[in-house]
Amino acid sequence: MDVRNAFFYLFAAALLFAALRVITARNPVHAVLYLIFAFSQAAGVWLLMRAEFLAILLVMVYLGAVMVLFLFVVMMLDIRIERMQGALKKNLPAALVILAVVVGQMVAVLWLGFPDTDAAGELIAAQPGYNNTRELGKLMYTEYVLPVQVAGVILLVGMIAAIALTLRTRRDTKAIDPSLQVHVKAEDRMRVVQMPAVRRAPAVEPAQAAQEEIKP
């Protein structure tokens, strides 16, 4: 076993462990953290497969943006684990059926193997100066330039919509204007109003008044 295969089995074992902990962790925050770890190990596997662009894209997009967003959303939702346990027990038969289907597909793929993978790898390795990032860029901006432009417009519309939602003013928002606070004067904030007494104060007997004066 060479060093490359050793690193592959290391990344694959860590990836399987992290993926298993994603679905078995009781705390949603811990599940998201294990998902981040799983994506990092998948990026390592892609690096071993000479797909550097996909590995960097996975780290930048999923680990840098999406997973951090998921983490903050899960923390803000404050999910009650006690309420989720009843739903998990109710949906356990369907989950077991889906698990059996996925395991069967994995066993079938591993049993049949990948006959064309070795030939494709040898063909790529035989080409001098081959760069998958450069070839991917050529395909994106020549044959698939229209889908790339459409995806860019969709992302731009989503970004503009998110910014527009933050610019809306609400009437029930309790906000403080610092410029108005600076120009506030004391006489404008409090005014002493002279009002006549509504009722007369009760008369105090002389003996009671003397006792109150004696008290310290």
Protein backbone atom coordinates (compact mmCIF):
# COMPACT_ATOMS: atom_id res chain seq x y z
CA MET A 1 0.00 0.00 0.00
CA ASP A 2 1.46 3.34 -1.02
CA VAL A 3 1.00 6.70 0.68
CA ARG A 4 -1.83 7.78 -1.62
CA ASN A 5 -3.94 4.73 -0.83
CA ALA A 6 -3.23 5.16 2.88
CA PHE A 7 -4.49 8.75 2.78
CA PHE A 8 -7.53 7.66 0.77
CA TYR A 9 -8.55 5.07 3.36
CA LEU A 10 -7.91 7.59 6.13
CA PHE A 11 -10.11 10.25 4.53
CA ALA A 12 -12.77 7.69 3.60
CA ALA A 13 -12.95 6.26 7.14
CA ALA A 14 -13.20 9.73 8.66
CA LEU A 15 -15.86 10.66 6.10
CA LEU A 16 -17.98 7.61 6.90
CA PHE A 17 -17.65 8.21 10.64
CA ALA A 18 -18.66 11.88 10.30
CA ALA A 19 -21.62 11.01 8.04
CA LEU A 20 -22.79 8.40 10.56
CA ARG A 21 -22.57 10.90 13.40
CA VAL A 22 -24.57 13.44 11.39
CA ILE A 23 -27.64 11.19 11.49
CA THR A 24 -27.08 9.78 14.99
CA ALA A 25 -26.12 12.89 16.97
CA ARG A 26 -28.85 13.98 19.37
CA ASN A 27 -27.81 17.63 19.38
CA PRO A 28 -28.52 19.44 16.07
CA VAL A 29 -25.51 21.72 16.55
CA HIS A 30 -23.23 18.70 16.91
CA ALA A 31 -24.79 17.20 13.76
CA VAL A 32 -23.94 20.34 11.78
CA LEU A 33 -20.37 20.29 13.11
CA TYR A 34 -19.99 16.66 12.03
CA LEU A 35 -21.37 17.63 8.61
CA ILE A 36 -18.66 20.29 8.31
CA PHE A 37 -16.07 17.65 9.19
CA ALA A 38 -17.55 15.30 6.57
CA PHE A 39 -17.29 17.94 3.85
CA SER A 40 -13.67 18.63 4.75
CA GLN A 41 -12.83 14.93 4.41
CA ALA A 42 -14.66 14.78 1.07
CA ALA A 43 -12.50 17.67 -0.13
CA GLY A 44 -9.44 15.63 0.80
CA VAL A 45 -10.72 12.68 -1.24
CA TRP A 46 -11.25 14.96 -4.24
CA LEU A 47 -7.72 16.26 -3.91
CA LEU A 48 -6.44 12.69 -4.11
CA MET A 49 -8.54 12.24 -7.27
CA ARG A 50 -6.80 15.28 -8.84
CA ALA A 51 -9.99 17.37 -8.75
CA GLU A 52 -8.44 20.41 -7.10
CA PHE A 53 -11.05 22.87 -8.34
CA LEU A 54 -13.95 20.85 -6.94
CA ALA A 55 -12.17 20.43 -3.61
CA ILE A 56 -11.51 24.16 -3.26
CA LEU A 57 -15.08 24.92 -4.36
CA LEU A 58 -16.43 22.53 -1.73
CA VAL A 59 -14.38 24.18 1.00
CA MET A 60 -15.24 27.74 -0.04
CA VAL A 61 -18.96 27.28 -0.72
CA TYR A 62 -20.09 24.62 1.74
CA LEU A 63 -17.65 25.04 4.61
CA GLY A 64 -17.25 28.79 4.24
CA ALA A 65 -20.83 29.86 3.68
CA VAL A 66 -23.56 27.25 3.69
CA MET A 67 -22.48 25.27 6.74
CA VAL A 68 -21.86 28.41 8.79
CA LEU A 69 -25.33 29.61 7.82
CA PHE A 70 -26.84 26.25 8.81
CA LEU A 71 -25.01 26.38 12.13
CA PHE A 72 -26.34 29.82 13.03
CA VAL A 73 -29.86 28.91 11.88
CA VAL A 74 -29.88 25.76 14.03
CA MET A 75 -28.57 27.72 17.02
CA MET A 76 -31.21 30.43 16.59
CA LEU A 77 -34.10 27.98 16.13
CA ASP A 78 -33.44 26.42 19.55
CA ILE A 79 -34.84 23.02 18.53
CA ARG A 80 -36.39 21.00 21.35
CA ILE A 81 -34.91 17.52 21.26
CA GLU A 82 -37.67 16.08 23.46
CA ARG A 83 -40.31 16.93 20.86
CA MET A 84 -38.25 15.42 18.05
CA GLN A 85 -37.91 12.01 19.71
CA GLY A 86 -41.59 11.19 19.24
CA ALA A 87 -41.45 12.08 15.53
CA LEU A 88 -38.30 9.97 15.09
CA LYS A 89 -39.95 6.90 16.60
CA LYS A 90 -43.01 7.43 14.42
CA ASN A 91 -40.98 7.63 11.18
CA LEU A 92 -38.54 4.84 12.10
CA PRO A 93 -40.01 2.17 9.72
CA ALA A 94 -39.78 4.49 6.70
CA ALA A 95 -36.22 5.42 7.68
CA LEU A 96 -35.22 1.75 7.88
CA VAL A 97 -36.66 1.08 4.42
CA ILE A 98 -34.73 4.01 2.93
CA LEU A 99 -31.58 2.83 4.72
CA ALA A 100 -31.96 -0.66 3.28
CA VAL A 101 -32.36 0.76 -0.25
CA VAL A 102 -29.26 2.95 0.11
CA VAL A 103 -27.18 0.09 1.52
CA GLY A 104 -28.32 -2.16 -1.33
CA GLN A 105 -27.30 0.43 -3.91
CA MET A 106 -23.87 0.86 -2.29
CA VAL A 107 -23.29 -2.89 -2.19
CA ALA A 108 -24.32 -3.22 -5.85
CA VAL A 109 -21.96 -0.44 -6.92
CA LEU A 110 -19.06 -1.85 -4.93
CA TRP A 111 -19.73 -5.37 -6.18
CA LEU A 112 -19.92 -4.39 -9.85
CA GLY A 113 -17.01 -1.97 -9.59
CA PHE A 114 -16.09 0.90 -11.91
CA PRO A 115 -14.75 -0.61 -15.13
CA ASP A 116 -14.19 2.68 -16.99
CA THR A 117 -12.55 4.62 -14.17
CA ASP A 118 -9.05 3.23 -14.58
CA ALA A 119 -9.06 3.77 -18.34
CA ALA A 120 -10.17 7.39 -17.96
CA GLY A 121 -7.52 8.02 -15.31
CA GLU A 122 -4.79 6.57 -17.50
CA LEU A 123 -5.95 8.69 -20.45
CA ILE A 124 -5.82 11.88 -18.39
CA ALA A 125 -2.45 11.02 -16.88
CA ALA A 126 -1.02 10.32 -20.34
CA GLN A 127 -1.71 13.90 -21.51
CA PRO A 128 1.25 16.18 -20.75
CA GLY A 129 0.42 19.47 -19.04
CA TYR A 130 -3.20 18.54 -18.33
CA ASN A 131 -5.03 20.85 -15.92
CA ASN A 132 -8.58 19.96 -14.94
CA THR A 133 -9.33 23.49 -13.71
CA ARG A 134 -8.39 24.99 -17.08
CA GLU A 135 -10.39 22.38 -18.97
CA LEU A 136 -13.40 22.94 -16.74
CA GLY A 137 -13.18 26.69 -17.33
CA LYS A 138 -13.06 26.15 -21.09
CA LEU A 139 -16.21 24.03 -20.96
CA MET A 140 -18.07 26.47 -18.73
CA TYR A 141 -17.39 29.52 -20.90
CA THR A 142 -17.65 27.89 -24.33
CA GLU A 143 -20.20 25.08 -24.50
CA TYR A 144 -22.08 25.94 -21.28
CA VAL A 145 -21.84 29.73 -21.33
CA LEU A 146 -25.64 30.20 -21.40
CA PRO A 147 -26.34 28.07 -18.27
CA VAL A 148 -23.51 29.89 -16.48
CA GLN A 149 -25.01 33.29 -17.35
CA VAL A 150 -28.51 32.17 -16.31
CA ALA A 151 -27.17 30.89 -12.98
CA GLY A 152 -25.37 34.21 -12.44
CA VAL A 153 -28.57 36.19 -13.09
CA ILE A 154 -30.54 33.97 -10.70
CA LEU A 155 -27.95 34.46 -7.96
CA LEU A 156 -27.95 38.22 -8.60
CA VAL A 157 -31.75 38.37 -8.30
CA GLY A 158 -31.61 36.44 -5.03
CA MET A 159 -28.95 38.78 -3.65
CA ILE A 160 -30.94 41.88 -4.62
CA ALA A 161 -34.10 40.42 -3.07
CA ALA A 162 -32.29 39.69 0.20
CA ILE A 163 -30.93 43.25 0.33
CA ALA A 164 -34.37 44.69 -0.47
CA LEU A 165 -35.93 42.74 2.40
CA THR A 166 -33.49 44.30 4.86
CA LEU A 167 -34.27 47.83 3.63
CA ARG A 168 -37.98 47.66 4.41
CA THR A 169 -39.11 49.96 7.20
CA ARG A 170 -41.58 48.70 9.78
CA ARG A 171 -43.86 50.93 11.78
CA ASP A 172 -43.71 48.79 14.91
CA THR A 173 -39.91 48.83 15.06
CA LYS A 174 -38.57 50.42 18.24
CA ALA A 175 -35.35 52.04 17.11
CA ILE A 176 -33.33 54.94 18.49
CA ASP A 177 -32.21 57.85 16.33
CA PRO A 178 -28.86 59.16 17.65
CA SER A 179 -29.25 62.51 15.86
CA LEU A 180 -32.51 63.20 17.69
CA GLN A 181 -30.96 62.23 21.01
CA VAL A 182 -28.15 64.77 20.55
CA HIS A 183 -30.59 67.67 20.05
CA VAL A 184 -32.74 66.79 23.07
CA LYS A 185 -32.93 69.45 25.81
CA ALA A 186 -33.87 68.97 29.43
CA GLU A 187 -36.76 71.42 29.30
CA ASP A 188 -38.22 69.56 26.35
CA ARG A 189 -38.16 66.20 28.11
CA MET A 190 -39.71 67.07 31.49
CA ARG A 191 -42.17 69.75 32.52
CA VAL A 192 -43.33 70.50 36.04
CA VAL A 193 -47.08 71.12 36.19
CA GLN A 194 -48.68 72.85 39.18
CA MET A 195 -51.94 71.13 40.03
CA PRO A 196 -54.26 71.78 42.96
CA ALA A 197 -54.70 69.04 45.52
CA VAL A 198 -57.57 66.71 44.83
CA ARG A 199 -58.38 66.21 48.49
CA ARG A 200 -57.17 67.67 51.74
CA ALA A 201 -54.58 65.91 53.79
CA PRO A 202 -56.00 64.24 56.92
CA ALA A 203 -55.51 66.15 60.12
CA VAL A 204 -52.89 64.65 62.41
CA GLU A 205 -53.68 64.57 66.10
CA PRO A 206 -51.15 66.27 68.41
CA ALA A 207 -50.36 63.06 70.35
CA GLN A 208 -49.67 61.10 67.14
CA ALA A 209 -47.52 63.93 65.76
CA ALA A 210 -45.45 63.96 68.97
CA GLN A 211 -44.87 60.20 68.76
CA GLU A 212 -43.69 60.50 65.13
CA GLU A 213 -41.24 63.24 66.14
CA ILE A 214 -39.82 61.07 68.95
CA LYS A 215 -39.14 58.11 66.60
CA PRO A 216 -35.58 58.16 65.18
